[in-house]
């Protein structure tokens, strides 16, 4: 039986601008440095024992044309001056034998920081629910939630990788993307 559990993961983000929507996506992939792979989107589980590596180190282990699994968020618009964002959130458990979570969030009107915190909150919330971590209130801001999760001792790390961009003044398409790239 084949084992498809990734050993390593790295994160990328990019922006593409072009008169054609598809080509703006290609330009965003190029900006992120992953245009040479056949990317297959998967759901949001961070495998137990998976190592986070730099983009440069991860790319060295992949070959052009290779089928590569990823968790990707993307957003596109050709609306003039439209603020858009795409982010991937990450939440890791303290127990390295337990899986973590990745999340995808794409939005309009949010900055890097706003969209990134939202993506990070999504990943942490999903992980917290599987670990039985409850919050004192659902109305907490992200900083307070993050503290509560870490104080529980069950969630050790959260972060996000987010790209935002304000669209052009003309008719060009803009695509933003952020992705977690798995290395087999």
N, C-alpha and C. Protein backbone atom coordinates (compact mmCIF):
# COMPACT_ATOMS: atom_id res chain seq x y z
N UNK A 1 0.84 -1.18 0.00
CA UNK A 1 0.00 0.00 0.00
C UNK A 1 0.89 1.25 0.00
N UNK A 2 0.54 2.21 -0.80
CA UNK A 2 1.31 3.45 -0.88
C UNK A 2 1.02 4.34 0.33
N UNK A 3 2.03 5.03 0.79
CA UNK A 3 1.90 5.94 1.92
C UNK A 3 2.03 7.37 1.40
N UNK A 4 0.94 8.12 1.42
CA UNK A 4 0.95 9.47 0.90
C UNK A 4 1.02 10.52 2.00
N UNK A 5 1.47 10.15 3.20
CA UNK A 5 1.56 11.12 4.28
C UNK A 5 2.80 11.99 4.04
N UNK A 6 2.61 13.29 3.86
CA UNK A 6 3.77 14.17 3.60
C UNK A 6 4.74 14.21 4.79
N UNK A 7 6.02 14.30 4.47
CA UNK A 7 7.07 14.40 5.48
C UNK A 7 7.43 15.85 5.80
N UNK A 8 7.23 16.72 4.80
CA UNK A 8 7.62 18.12 4.94
C UNK A 8 6.55 19.00 4.31
N UNK A 9 6.60 20.29 4.70
CA UNK A 9 5.66 21.27 4.16
C UNK A 9 6.36 22.62 4.11
N UNK A 10 6.02 23.42 3.11
CA UNK A 10 6.50 24.80 3.07
C UNK A 10 5.37 25.70 2.58
N UNK A 11 5.54 26.99 2.77
CA UNK A 11 4.46 27.95 2.48
C UNK A 11 4.92 28.95 1.44
N UNK A 12 3.97 29.34 0.58
CA UNK A 12 4.25 30.32 -0.47
C UNK A 12 3.08 31.28 -0.58
N UNK A 13 3.35 32.41 -1.22
CA UNK A 13 2.29 33.36 -1.54
C UNK A 13 2.71 34.15 -2.76
N UNK A 14 1.72 34.69 -3.48
CA UNK A 14 2.06 35.42 -4.69
C UNK A 14 0.91 36.26 -5.20
N UNK A 15 1.26 37.14 -6.15
CA UNK A 15 0.30 38.04 -6.81
C UNK A 15 0.55 37.95 -8.31
N UNK A 16 -0.53 37.94 -9.08
CA UNK A 16 -0.42 37.97 -10.53
C UNK A 16 -1.38 38.98 -11.13
N UNK A 17 -0.92 39.71 -12.13
CA UNK A 17 -1.75 40.71 -12.81
C UNK A 17 -1.66 40.44 -14.31
N UNK A 18 -2.83 40.35 -14.96
CA UNK A 18 -2.85 40.12 -16.41
C UNK A 18 -4.25 40.45 -16.93
N UNK A 19 -4.35 40.70 -18.23
CA UNK A 19 -5.67 41.01 -18.80
C UNK A 19 -6.60 39.80 -18.80
N UNK A 20 -6.05 38.59 -18.75
CA UNK A 20 -6.84 37.36 -18.69
C UNK A 20 -6.80 36.79 -17.28
N UNK A 21 -7.94 36.34 -16.77
CA UNK A 21 -8.02 35.80 -15.41
C UNK A 21 -7.09 34.60 -15.22
N UNK A 22 -7.13 33.64 -16.14
CA UNK A 22 -6.30 32.45 -16.02
C UNK A 22 -4.82 32.80 -15.99
N UNK A 23 -4.43 33.74 -16.82
CA UNK A 23 -3.02 34.12 -16.84
C UNK A 23 -2.63 34.90 -15.59
N UNK A 24 -3.57 35.61 -14.97
CA UNK A 24 -3.23 36.26 -13.70
C UNK A 24 -2.98 35.21 -12.62
N UNK A 25 -3.73 34.09 -12.68
CA UNK A 25 -3.49 32.98 -11.76
C UNK A 25 -2.10 32.38 -12.01
N UNK A 26 -1.76 32.17 -13.28
CA UNK A 26 -0.43 31.65 -13.63
C UNK A 26 0.67 32.59 -13.13
N UNK A 27 0.46 33.89 -13.28
CA UNK A 27 1.47 34.87 -12.81
C UNK A 27 1.61 34.81 -11.29
N UNK A 28 0.49 34.59 -10.58
CA UNK A 28 0.55 34.46 -9.12
C UNK A 28 1.33 33.19 -8.73
N UNK A 29 1.09 32.09 -9.47
CA UNK A 29 1.86 30.87 -9.22
C UNK A 29 3.36 31.11 -9.46
N UNK A 30 3.67 31.84 -10.51
CA UNK A 30 5.09 32.17 -10.79
C UNK A 30 5.68 33.02 -9.68
N UNK A 31 4.91 34.01 -9.23
CA UNK A 31 5.38 34.88 -8.15
C UNK A 31 5.65 34.05 -6.88
N UNK A 32 4.81 33.04 -6.67
CA UNK A 32 4.97 32.17 -5.51
C UNK A 32 6.07 31.13 -5.71
N UNK A 33 6.47 30.91 -6.97
CA UNK A 33 7.55 29.96 -7.27
C UNK A 33 7.10 28.51 -7.41
N UNK A 34 5.80 28.28 -7.68
CA UNK A 34 5.31 26.90 -7.77
C UNK A 34 4.58 26.61 -9.09
N UNK A 35 4.82 27.39 -10.11
CA UNK A 35 4.14 27.24 -11.39
C UNK A 35 4.52 25.96 -12.12
N UNK A 36 5.63 25.34 -11.78
CA UNK A 36 6.13 24.19 -12.52
C UNK A 36 5.55 22.86 -12.05
N UNK A 37 4.62 22.89 -11.09
CA UNK A 37 4.04 21.66 -10.54
C UNK A 37 2.57 21.52 -10.93
N UNK A 38 2.09 20.28 -10.92
CA UNK A 38 0.67 20.00 -11.08
C UNK A 38 0.08 19.96 -9.67
N UNK A 39 -0.51 21.06 -9.28
CA UNK A 39 -1.00 21.22 -7.91
C UNK A 39 -2.38 20.59 -7.74
N UNK A 40 -2.52 19.79 -6.70
CA UNK A 40 -3.78 19.14 -6.36
C UNK A 40 -4.18 19.62 -4.98
N UNK A 41 -5.34 20.23 -4.90
CA UNK A 41 -5.81 20.76 -3.62
C UNK A 41 -6.38 19.64 -2.75
N UNK A 42 -6.01 19.69 -1.48
CA UNK A 42 -6.51 18.73 -0.51
C UNK A 42 -7.10 19.49 0.67
N UNK A 43 -7.78 18.75 1.55
CA UNK A 43 -8.36 19.40 2.72
C UNK A 43 -7.26 19.77 3.71
N UNK A 44 -7.62 20.10 4.91
CA UNK A 44 -6.79 20.94 5.76
C UNK A 44 -6.08 20.27 6.94
N UNK A 45 -5.62 19.06 6.79
CA UNK A 45 -4.95 18.39 7.89
C UNK A 45 -3.43 18.53 7.77
N UNK A 46 -2.82 18.99 8.87
CA UNK A 46 -1.35 19.05 8.97
C UNK A 46 -0.92 17.71 9.57
N UNK A 47 -0.19 16.87 8.81
CA UNK A 47 0.13 15.52 9.28
C UNK A 47 1.01 15.51 10.54
N UNK A 48 0.78 14.53 11.43
CA UNK A 48 1.64 14.39 12.60
C UNK A 48 3.10 14.19 12.15
N UNK A 49 4.02 14.84 12.82
CA UNK A 49 5.44 14.67 12.52
C UNK A 49 5.92 15.37 11.27
N UNK A 50 5.07 16.10 10.59
CA UNK A 50 5.47 16.80 9.37
C UNK A 50 6.37 17.98 9.76
N UNK A 51 7.45 18.15 9.02
CA UNK A 51 8.43 19.20 9.31
C UNK A 51 8.18 20.43 8.43
N UNK A 52 8.14 21.60 9.04
CA UNK A 52 8.03 22.85 8.28
C UNK A 52 9.43 23.23 7.82
N UNK A 53 9.59 23.39 6.50
CA UNK A 53 10.88 23.76 5.94
C UNK A 53 10.74 25.05 5.15
N UNK A 54 11.85 25.64 4.80
CA UNK A 54 11.83 26.85 3.99
C UNK A 54 11.38 26.52 2.57
N UNK A 55 10.90 27.53 1.89
CA UNK A 55 10.50 27.37 0.49
C UNK A 55 11.66 26.83 -0.33
N UNK A 56 12.85 27.39 -0.13
CA UNK A 56 14.02 26.98 -0.90
C UNK A 56 14.34 25.49 -0.68
N UNK A 57 14.29 25.05 0.56
CA UNK A 57 14.58 23.65 0.88
C UNK A 57 13.51 22.73 0.30
N UNK A 58 12.25 23.13 0.42
CA UNK A 58 11.16 22.32 -0.11
C UNK A 58 11.20 22.18 -1.61
N UNK A 59 11.49 23.27 -2.31
CA UNK A 59 11.55 23.24 -3.77
C UNK A 59 12.64 22.30 -4.28
N UNK A 60 13.72 22.16 -3.54
CA UNK A 60 14.81 21.26 -3.95
C UNK A 60 14.38 19.80 -4.00
N UNK A 61 13.33 19.45 -3.28
CA UNK A 61 12.88 18.05 -3.22
C UNK A 61 11.77 17.74 -4.23
N UNK A 62 11.36 18.72 -4.99
CA UNK A 62 10.30 18.53 -5.97
C UNK A 62 10.83 18.67 -7.39
N UNK A 63 10.15 18.00 -8.34
CA UNK A 63 10.59 18.04 -9.74
C UNK A 63 9.52 18.71 -10.60
N UNK A 64 9.93 19.46 -11.62
CA UNK A 64 8.95 20.05 -12.53
C UNK A 64 8.02 18.98 -13.11
N UNK A 65 6.73 19.30 -13.15
CA UNK A 65 5.74 18.36 -13.66
C UNK A 65 5.18 17.41 -12.62
N UNK A 66 5.81 17.38 -11.45
CA UNK A 66 5.38 16.47 -10.39
C UNK A 66 3.98 16.84 -9.89
N UNK A 67 3.18 15.83 -9.54
CA UNK A 67 1.91 16.07 -8.88
C UNK A 67 2.21 16.38 -7.43
N UNK A 68 1.78 17.55 -6.99
CA UNK A 68 2.09 18.04 -5.64
C UNK A 68 0.79 18.43 -4.95
N UNK A 69 0.61 17.90 -3.75
CA UNK A 69 -0.58 18.22 -2.97
C UNK A 69 -0.38 19.53 -2.23
N UNK A 70 -1.46 20.29 -2.09
CA UNK A 70 -1.36 21.58 -1.41
C UNK A 70 -2.70 21.96 -0.79
N UNK A 71 -2.64 22.86 0.16
CA UNK A 71 -3.81 23.55 0.67
C UNK A 71 -3.65 24.98 0.17
N UNK A 72 -4.59 25.44 -0.67
CA UNK A 72 -4.42 26.74 -1.33
C UNK A 72 -5.65 27.62 -1.15
N UNK A 73 -5.39 28.87 -0.93
CA UNK A 73 -6.42 29.90 -0.95
C UNK A 73 -6.09 30.84 -2.09
N UNK A 74 -7.10 31.19 -2.87
CA UNK A 74 -6.86 32.15 -3.96
C UNK A 74 -8.07 33.06 -4.09
N UNK A 75 -7.82 34.23 -4.64
CA UNK A 75 -8.87 35.20 -4.84
C UNK A 75 -8.52 36.02 -6.08
N UNK A 76 -9.52 36.35 -6.87
CA UNK A 76 -9.30 37.13 -8.10
C UNK A 76 -10.39 38.18 -8.27
N UNK A 77 -10.01 39.26 -8.95
CA UNK A 77 -10.98 40.29 -9.30
C UNK A 77 -10.41 41.15 -10.42
N UNK A 78 -11.31 41.69 -11.24
CA UNK A 78 -10.90 42.70 -12.21
C UNK A 78 -11.60 44.03 -11.92
N UNK A 79 -12.13 44.12 -10.70
CA UNK A 79 -12.76 45.37 -10.27
C UNK A 79 -11.67 46.37 -9.91
N UNK A 80 -11.70 47.56 -10.48
CA UNK A 80 -10.65 48.54 -10.20
C UNK A 80 -10.51 48.84 -8.69
N UNK A 81 -9.28 48.90 -8.25
CA UNK A 81 -8.92 49.27 -6.88
C UNK A 81 -9.52 48.36 -5.80
N UNK A 82 -9.84 47.12 -6.12
CA UNK A 82 -10.44 46.18 -5.18
C UNK A 82 -9.36 45.57 -4.29
N UNK A 83 -9.51 45.74 -2.96
CA UNK A 83 -8.61 45.11 -2.00
C UNK A 83 -9.05 43.66 -1.83
N UNK A 84 -8.12 42.73 -2.03
CA UNK A 84 -8.43 41.31 -1.87
C UNK A 84 -7.30 40.62 -1.14
N UNK A 85 -7.63 39.48 -0.53
CA UNK A 85 -6.63 38.75 0.24
C UNK A 85 -6.87 37.25 0.11
N UNK A 86 -5.80 36.50 0.28
CA UNK A 86 -5.85 35.04 0.35
C UNK A 86 -4.87 34.63 1.43
N UNK A 87 -5.31 33.76 2.34
CA UNK A 87 -4.44 33.35 3.44
C UNK A 87 -4.61 31.89 3.80
N UNK A 88 -3.54 31.33 4.34
CA UNK A 88 -3.55 29.98 4.90
C UNK A 88 -3.16 30.11 6.36
N UNK A 89 -3.99 29.57 7.23
CA UNK A 89 -3.71 29.57 8.66
C UNK A 89 -3.16 28.21 9.07
N UNK A 90 -2.41 28.18 10.15
CA UNK A 90 -1.81 26.95 10.67
C UNK A 90 -1.98 26.91 12.18
N UNK A 91 -2.38 25.74 12.69
CA UNK A 91 -2.46 25.51 14.13
C UNK A 91 -1.87 24.14 14.42
N UNK A 92 -0.88 24.11 15.31
CA UNK A 92 -0.19 22.86 15.65
C UNK A 92 -0.45 22.47 17.10
N UNK A 93 -0.69 21.18 17.34
CA UNK A 93 -0.92 20.73 18.70
C UNK A 93 0.39 20.56 19.46
N UNK A 94 0.32 20.61 20.78
CA UNK A 94 1.51 20.36 21.60
C UNK A 94 1.97 18.92 21.44
N UNK A 95 1.03 17.99 21.27
CA UNK A 95 1.35 16.58 21.08
C UNK A 95 1.72 16.34 19.62
N UNK A 96 2.98 16.10 19.35
CA UNK A 96 3.46 15.94 17.97
C UNK A 96 2.91 14.69 17.29
N UNK A 97 2.30 13.79 18.05
CA UNK A 97 1.68 12.60 17.46
C UNK A 97 0.25 12.85 17.01
N UNK A 98 -0.26 14.04 17.27
CA UNK A 98 -1.62 14.42 16.87
C UNK A 98 -1.51 15.31 15.64
N UNK A 99 -2.51 15.25 14.80
CA UNK A 99 -2.51 16.10 13.61
C UNK A 99 -2.89 17.53 13.97
N UNK A 100 -2.46 18.45 13.11
CA UNK A 100 -2.83 19.86 13.25
C UNK A 100 -3.79 20.25 12.14
N UNK A 101 -4.03 21.54 12.03
CA UNK A 101 -4.96 22.03 11.01
C UNK A 101 -4.36 23.17 10.20
N UNK A 102 -4.74 23.18 8.93
CA UNK A 102 -4.49 24.30 8.03
C UNK A 102 -5.86 24.83 7.65
N UNK A 103 -5.95 26.10 7.34
CA UNK A 103 -7.22 26.67 6.89
C UNK A 103 -6.98 27.58 5.70
N UNK A 104 -8.00 27.73 4.89
CA UNK A 104 -7.94 28.65 3.76
C UNK A 104 -8.97 29.75 3.98
N UNK A 105 -8.54 30.98 3.73
CA UNK A 105 -9.48 32.10 3.84
C UNK A 105 -9.16 33.07 2.72
N UNK A 106 -10.18 33.46 1.98
CA UNK A 106 -10.02 34.48 0.94
C UNK A 106 -11.15 35.48 1.09
N UNK A 107 -10.81 36.74 0.92
CA UNK A 107 -11.79 37.79 1.21
C UNK A 107 -11.53 39.03 0.37
N UNK A 108 -12.51 39.90 0.40
CA UNK A 108 -12.40 41.24 -0.19
C UNK A 108 -12.47 42.24 0.95
N UNK A 109 -11.71 43.32 0.84
CA UNK A 109 -11.78 44.40 1.83
C UNK A 109 -10.98 44.16 3.09
N UNK A 110 -10.19 43.08 3.15
CA UNK A 110 -9.37 42.82 4.33
C UNK A 110 -7.89 42.98 3.97
N UNK A 111 -7.14 43.55 4.90
CA UNK A 111 -5.69 43.68 4.76
C UNK A 111 -5.03 42.33 5.03
N UNK A 112 -3.71 42.26 4.81
CA UNK A 112 -2.93 41.07 5.16
C UNK A 112 -3.20 40.66 6.61
N UNK A 113 -3.09 41.63 7.50
CA UNK A 113 -3.23 41.34 8.92
C UNK A 113 -4.62 40.82 9.26
N UNK A 114 -5.66 41.47 8.75
CA UNK A 114 -7.03 41.05 9.06
C UNK A 114 -7.34 39.66 8.50
N UNK A 115 -7.01 39.45 7.24
CA UNK A 115 -7.27 38.16 6.61
C UNK A 115 -6.41 37.06 7.24
N UNK A 116 -5.16 37.41 7.56
CA UNK A 116 -4.26 36.43 8.18
C UNK A 116 -4.73 36.00 9.55
N UNK A 117 -5.16 36.95 10.36
CA UNK A 117 -5.67 36.60 11.69
C UNK A 117 -6.93 35.75 11.58
N UNK A 118 -7.77 36.04 10.61
CA UNK A 118 -8.99 35.25 10.42
C UNK A 118 -8.63 33.81 10.05
N UNK A 119 -7.69 33.64 9.11
CA UNK A 119 -7.25 32.30 8.70
C UNK A 119 -6.63 31.54 9.87
N UNK A 120 -5.82 32.24 10.64
CA UNK A 120 -5.18 31.63 11.81
C UNK A 120 -6.22 31.21 12.84
N UNK A 121 -7.21 32.06 13.06
CA UNK A 121 -8.30 31.76 13.99
C UNK A 121 -9.08 30.53 13.53
N UNK A 122 -9.35 30.43 12.22
CA UNK A 122 -10.06 29.27 11.69
C UNK A 122 -9.31 27.98 11.99
N UNK A 123 -8.01 27.96 11.71
CA UNK A 123 -7.21 26.76 11.94
C UNK A 123 -7.19 26.42 13.43
N UNK A 124 -6.99 27.42 14.28
CA UNK A 124 -6.94 27.18 15.72
C UNK A 124 -8.29 26.69 16.25
N UNK A 125 -9.37 27.24 15.75
CA UNK A 125 -10.71 26.83 16.19
C UNK A 125 -10.99 25.38 15.82
N UNK A 126 -10.60 24.98 14.61
CA UNK A 126 -10.81 23.59 14.20
C UNK A 126 -9.98 22.64 15.06
N UNK A 127 -8.72 23.01 15.31
CA UNK A 127 -7.88 22.16 16.15
C UNK A 127 -8.41 22.11 17.57
N UNK A 128 -8.80 23.25 18.10
CA UNK A 128 -9.32 23.30 19.48
C UNK A 128 -10.53 22.40 19.64
N UNK A 129 -11.41 22.38 18.65
CA UNK A 129 -12.62 21.56 18.77
C UNK A 129 -12.29 20.07 18.80
N UNK A 130 -11.24 19.64 18.09
CA UNK A 130 -10.87 18.22 18.12
C UNK A 130 -10.13 17.86 19.40
N UNK A 131 -9.53 18.85 20.06
CA UNK A 131 -8.77 18.59 21.29
C UNK A 131 -9.62 18.83 22.55
N UNK A 132 -10.84 19.29 22.37
CA UNK A 132 -11.71 19.54 23.51
C UNK A 132 -11.41 20.83 24.25
N UNK A 133 -10.74 21.76 23.59
CA UNK A 133 -10.44 23.06 24.20
C UNK A 133 -11.64 23.97 24.00
N UNK A 134 -12.15 24.53 25.09
CA UNK A 134 -13.27 25.45 24.99
C UNK A 134 -12.82 26.84 25.43
N UNK A 135 -13.47 27.83 24.87
CA UNK A 135 -13.16 29.22 25.21
C UNK A 135 -14.18 29.73 26.22
N UNK A 136 -13.77 30.70 27.04
CA UNK A 136 -14.72 31.26 28.00
C UNK A 136 -15.85 32.03 27.32
N UNK A 137 -15.62 32.50 26.08
CA UNK A 137 -16.64 33.25 25.34
C UNK A 137 -16.34 33.14 23.86
N UNK A 138 -17.39 33.09 23.05
CA UNK A 138 -17.22 33.08 21.59
C UNK A 138 -16.93 34.46 21.05
N UNK A 139 -17.10 35.49 21.88
CA UNK A 139 -16.95 36.87 21.41
C UNK A 139 -15.56 37.45 21.64
N UNK A 140 -14.58 36.61 21.89
CA UNK A 140 -13.21 37.10 22.13
C UNK A 140 -12.57 37.54 20.82
N UNK A 141 -11.69 38.52 20.89
CA UNK A 141 -10.89 38.91 19.73
C UNK A 141 -9.82 37.84 19.52
N UNK A 142 -9.16 37.85 18.34
CA UNK A 142 -8.18 36.81 18.04
C UNK A 142 -7.07 36.76 19.08
N UNK A 143 -6.53 37.88 19.51
CA UNK A 143 -5.43 37.88 20.49
C UNK A 143 -5.82 37.15 21.77
N UNK A 144 -7.05 37.38 22.24
CA UNK A 144 -7.51 36.72 23.46
C UNK A 144 -7.74 35.22 23.23
N UNK A 145 -8.29 34.87 22.06
CA UNK A 145 -8.48 33.46 21.73
C UNK A 145 -7.13 32.74 21.67
N UNK A 146 -6.16 33.39 21.01
CA UNK A 146 -4.83 32.80 20.87
C UNK A 146 -4.23 32.52 22.25
N UNK A 147 -4.35 33.46 23.14
CA UNK A 147 -3.84 33.28 24.50
C UNK A 147 -4.53 32.12 25.20
N UNK A 148 -5.85 32.05 25.08
CA UNK A 148 -6.61 30.97 25.73
C UNK A 148 -6.20 29.61 25.17
N UNK A 149 -6.02 29.52 23.86
CA UNK A 149 -5.61 28.26 23.25
C UNK A 149 -4.23 27.83 23.76
N UNK A 150 -3.32 28.77 23.82
CA UNK A 150 -1.95 28.44 24.25
C UNK A 150 -1.90 28.12 25.75
N UNK A 151 -2.70 28.82 26.54
CA UNK A 151 -2.75 28.56 27.98
C UNK A 151 -3.29 27.15 28.25
N UNK A 152 -4.16 26.65 27.37
CA UNK A 152 -4.72 25.31 27.56
C UNK A 152 -3.62 24.25 27.54
N UNK A 153 -2.47 24.57 26.93
CA UNK A 153 -1.38 23.63 26.83
C UNK A 153 -1.54 22.61 25.72
N UNK A 154 -2.63 22.66 24.99
CA UNK A 154 -2.88 21.68 23.94
C UNK A 154 -2.53 22.20 22.55
N UNK A 155 -2.50 23.52 22.38
CA UNK A 155 -2.13 24.12 21.10
C UNK A 155 -0.85 24.90 21.32
N UNK A 156 0.19 24.54 20.58
CA UNK A 156 1.50 25.13 20.83
C UNK A 156 1.87 26.26 19.87
N UNK A 157 1.33 26.21 18.64
CA UNK A 157 1.75 27.23 17.67
C UNK A 157 0.61 27.53 16.71
N UNK A 158 0.44 28.82 16.41
CA UNK A 158 -0.45 29.25 15.33
C UNK A 158 0.28 30.31 14.53
N UNK A 159 0.00 30.36 13.25
CA UNK A 159 0.57 31.41 12.39
C UNK A 159 -0.23 31.44 11.09
N UNK A 160 0.09 32.37 10.23
CA UNK A 160 -0.59 32.46 8.95
C UNK A 160 0.36 32.94 7.87
N UNK A 161 -0.01 32.66 6.63
CA UNK A 161 0.74 33.07 5.45
C UNK A 161 -0.29 33.70 4.53
N UNK A 162 -0.21 35.02 4.36
CA UNK A 162 -1.28 35.75 3.70
C UNK A 162 -0.74 36.74 2.68
N UNK A 163 -1.49 36.88 1.59
CA UNK A 163 -1.14 37.84 0.54
C UNK A 163 -2.36 38.70 0.25
N UNK A 164 -2.19 40.02 0.32
CA UNK A 164 -3.27 40.91 -0.10
C UNK A 164 -2.74 41.82 -1.20
N UNK A 165 -3.67 42.46 -1.89
CA UNK A 165 -3.28 43.33 -2.99
C UNK A 165 -4.47 44.22 -3.35
N UNK A 166 -4.18 45.42 -3.76
CA UNK A 166 -5.22 46.32 -4.25
C UNK A 166 -5.18 46.25 -5.78
N UNK A 167 -6.33 45.95 -6.38
CA UNK A 167 -6.43 45.82 -7.82
C UNK A 167 -5.96 47.05 -8.58
N UNK A 168 -5.74 46.86 -9.86
CA UNK A 168 -5.26 47.94 -10.71
C UNK A 168 -6.39 48.92 -11.00
N UNK A 169 -6.04 50.03 -11.63
CA UNK A 169 -7.05 51.03 -12.00
C UNK A 169 -7.74 50.67 -13.30
N UNK A 170 -7.13 49.76 -14.07
CA UNK A 170 -7.69 49.40 -15.36
C UNK A 170 -8.45 48.08 -15.31
N UNK A 171 -8.64 47.47 -16.49
CA UNK A 171 -9.46 46.26 -16.57
C UNK A 171 -8.71 44.95 -16.28
N UNK A 172 -7.46 45.02 -15.86
CA UNK A 172 -6.68 43.80 -15.63
C UNK A 172 -7.24 42.96 -14.48
N UNK A 173 -7.06 41.66 -14.60
CA UNK A 173 -7.37 40.73 -13.52
C UNK A 173 -6.20 40.68 -12.56
N UNK A 174 -6.52 40.60 -11.28
CA UNK A 174 -5.50 40.41 -10.24
C UNK A 174 -5.87 39.14 -9.48
N UNK A 175 -4.89 38.27 -9.27
CA UNK A 175 -5.07 37.08 -8.45
C UNK A 175 -4.06 37.08 -7.33
N UNK A 176 -4.55 36.82 -6.12
CA UNK A 176 -3.67 36.63 -4.96
C UNK A 176 -3.82 35.18 -4.52
N UNK A 177 -2.74 34.61 -4.04
CA UNK A 177 -2.82 33.24 -3.52
C UNK A 177 -1.84 33.04 -2.38
N UNK A 178 -2.19 32.09 -1.55
CA UNK A 178 -1.32 31.61 -0.48
C UNK A 178 -1.51 30.11 -0.43
N UNK A 179 -0.43 29.36 -0.20
CA UNK A 179 -0.55 27.90 -0.22
C UNK A 179 0.45 27.24 0.72
N UNK A 180 0.01 26.11 1.25
CA UNK A 180 0.87 25.20 1.98
C UNK A 180 1.18 24.06 1.02
N UNK A 181 2.45 23.86 0.71
CA UNK A 181 2.87 22.87 -0.28
C UNK A 181 3.45 21.67 0.44
N UNK A 182 2.86 20.49 0.20
CA UNK A 182 3.33 19.26 0.84
C UNK A 182 4.47 18.63 0.04
N UNK A 183 5.47 18.14 0.74
CA UNK A 183 6.59 17.41 0.13
C UNK A 183 6.43 15.95 0.52
N UNK A 184 6.32 15.05 -0.47
CA UNK A 184 6.10 13.63 -0.14
C UNK A 184 7.32 12.97 0.50
